[in-house]
Amino acid sequence: MRAFERAGWRVNHIEGSHYILVKEGFDVHLSIPVHKGRDLGVGLLRKLIRKAGLTPEEYITFFRGKKLKGR
């Protein structure tokens, strides 16, 4: 989830075990399930990356803790 926050997404609210993220200029939201001790599935992660308007390479950069210029 931290990678999405580095990409400019912010937690809008929490619904149960799902964090709802929003970003200015986007008409969509990201719903990220947060369950203690469990990782996101590969398919869900890919879908969230695509929905966030990121490439896998951009996501990896954010995941590693870096910010991209112009984002």
C-alpha atoms as a PDB file:
ATOM      1  CA  MET A   1       0.000   0.000   0.000  1.00  0.00           C
ATOM      2  CA  ARG A   2       2.920   2.320   0.699  1.00  0.00           C
ATOM      3  CA  ALA A   3       3.911   2.208  -2.985  1.00  0.00           C
ATOM      4  CA  PHE A   4       0.509   3.570  -3.997  1.00  0.00           C
ATOM      5  CA  GLU A   5       0.835   6.335  -1.398  1.00  0.00           C
ATOM      6  CA  ARG A   6       4.232   7.269  -2.841  1.00  0.00           C
ATOM      7  CA  ALA A   7       2.504   7.448  -6.239  1.00  0.00           C
ATOM      8  CA  GLY A   8       0.141  10.098  -4.872  1.00  0.00           C
ATOM      9  CA  TRP A   9      -2.790   7.971  -3.718  1.00  0.00           C
ATOM     10  CA  ARG A  10      -4.244   8.788  -0.284  1.00  0.00           C
ATOM     11  CA  VAL A  11      -6.428   6.818   2.111  1.00  0.00           C
ATOM     12  CA  ASN A  12      -9.932   8.276   1.857  1.00  0.00           C
ATOM     13  CA  HIS A  13     -11.560   5.907   4.317  1.00  0.00           C
ATOM     14  CA  ILE A  14     -11.589   2.322   5.570  1.00  0.00           C
ATOM     15  CA  GLU A  15     -14.449  -0.109   4.969  1.00  0.00           C
ATOM     16  CA  GLY A  16     -13.990  -3.160   7.140  1.00  0.00           C
ATOM     17  CA  SER A  17     -10.615  -4.605   6.170  1.00  0.00           C
ATOM     18  CA  HIS A  18     -10.339  -2.605   2.932  1.00  0.00           C
ATOM     19  CA  TYR A  19      -8.481   0.685   2.569  1.00  0.00           C
ATOM     20  CA  ILE A  20     -10.088   2.941  -0.027  1.00  0.00           C
ATOM     21  CA  LEU A  21      -7.512   5.126  -1.782  1.00  0.00           C
ATOM     22  CA  VAL A  22      -8.221   8.135  -3.984  1.00  0.00           C
ATOM     23  CA  LYS A  23      -6.059  10.426  -6.095  1.00  0.00           C
ATOM     24  CA  GLU A  24      -6.788  13.904  -7.359  1.00  0.00           C
ATOM     25  CA  GLY A  25      -7.554  13.868 -11.071  1.00  0.00           C
ATOM     26  CA  PHE A  26      -8.696  10.222 -11.088  1.00  0.00           C
ATOM     27  CA  ASP A  27     -12.360   9.205 -11.270  1.00  0.00           C
ATOM     28  CA  VAL A  28     -11.616   5.760  -9.813  1.00  0.00           C
ATOM     29  CA  HIS A  29     -10.668   4.579  -6.368  1.00  0.00           C
ATOM     30  CA  LEU A  30      -8.494   1.676  -5.242  1.00  0.00           C
ATOM     31  CA  SER A  31      -9.876  -0.818  -2.742  1.00  0.00           C
ATOM     32  CA  ILE A  32      -6.979  -2.624  -1.075  1.00  0.00           C
ATOM     33  CA  PRO A  33      -7.705  -5.517   1.292  1.00  0.00           C
ATOM     34  CA  VAL A  34      -5.483  -5.490   4.370  1.00  0.00           C
ATOM     35  CA  HIS A  35      -5.426  -8.782   6.238  1.00  0.00           C
ATOM     36  CA  LYS A  36      -2.780  -9.401   8.883  1.00  0.00           C
ATOM     37  CA  GLY A  37      -0.175 -11.907   7.736  1.00  0.00           C
ATOM     38  CA  ARG A  38      -1.454 -12.125   4.143  1.00  0.00           C
ATOM     39  CA  ASP A  39      -0.032 -10.699   0.950  1.00  0.00           C
ATOM     40  CA  LEU A  40      -2.036  -9.515  -2.031  1.00  0.00           C
ATOM     41  CA  GLY A  41      -2.439 -12.054  -4.813  1.00  0.00           C
ATOM     42  CA  VAL A  42      -0.461 -11.413  -7.986  1.00  0.00           C
ATOM     43  CA  GLY A  43      -3.601 -10.965 -10.105  1.00  0.00           C
ATOM     44  CA  LEU A  44      -5.151  -8.446  -7.713  1.00  0.00           C
ATOM     45  CA  LEU A  45      -1.891  -6.516  -7.458  1.00  0.00           C
ATOM     46  CA  ARG A  46      -1.612  -6.317 -11.256  1.00  0.00           C
ATOM     47  CA  LYS A  47      -5.205  -5.091 -11.473  1.00  0.00           C
ATOM     48  CA  LEU A  48      -4.585  -2.402  -8.841  1.00  0.00           C
ATOM     49  CA  ILE A  49      -1.391  -1.259 -10.596  1.00  0.00           C
ATOM     50  CA  ARG A  50      -3.245  -0.962 -13.910  1.00  0.00           C
ATOM     51  CA  LYS A  51      -6.217   0.807 -12.286  1.00  0.00           C
ATOM     52  CA  ALA A  52      -3.804   3.281 -10.632  1.00  0.00           C
ATOM     53  CA  GLY A  53      -2.446   4.196 -14.059  1.00  0.00           C
ATOM     54  CA  LEU A  54       1.009   2.801 -13.327  1.00  0.00           C
ATOM     55  CA  THR A  55       3.279   0.470 -15.239  1.00  0.00           C
ATOM     56  CA  PRO A  56       4.756  -2.484 -13.345  1.00  0.00           C
ATOM     57  CA  GLU A  57       8.155  -0.777 -13.571  1.00  0.00           C
ATOM     58  CA  GLU A  58       6.792   2.438 -12.022  1.00  0.00           C
ATOM     59  CA  TYR A  59       5.151   0.441  -9.248  1.00  0.00           C
ATOM     60  CA  ILE A  60       8.431  -1.325  -8.463  1.00  0.00           C
ATOM     61  CA  THR A  61      10.189   2.049  -8.238  1.00  0.00           C
ATOM     62  CA  PHE A  62       7.588   3.293  -5.751  1.00  0.00           C
ATOM     63  CA  PHE A  63       7.717  -0.029  -3.878  1.00  0.00           C
ATOM     64  CA  ARG A  64      11.476   0.393  -3.432  1.00  0.00           C
ATOM     65  CA  GLY A  65      10.851   3.751  -1.833  1.00  0.00           C
ATOM     66  CA  LYS A  66      11.608   6.198  -4.604  1.00  0.00           C
ATOM     67  CA  LYS A  67       9.414   8.905  -6.077  1.00  0.00           C
ATOM     68  CA  LEU A  68       9.222   9.525  -9.809  1.00  0.00           C
ATOM     69  CA  LYS A  69       9.738  12.979 -11.224  1.00  0.00           C
ATOM     70  CA  GLY A  70       6.613  14.573 -12.669  1.00  0.00           C
ATOM     71  CA  ARG A  71       4.145  12.474 -10.625  1.00  0.00           C
END
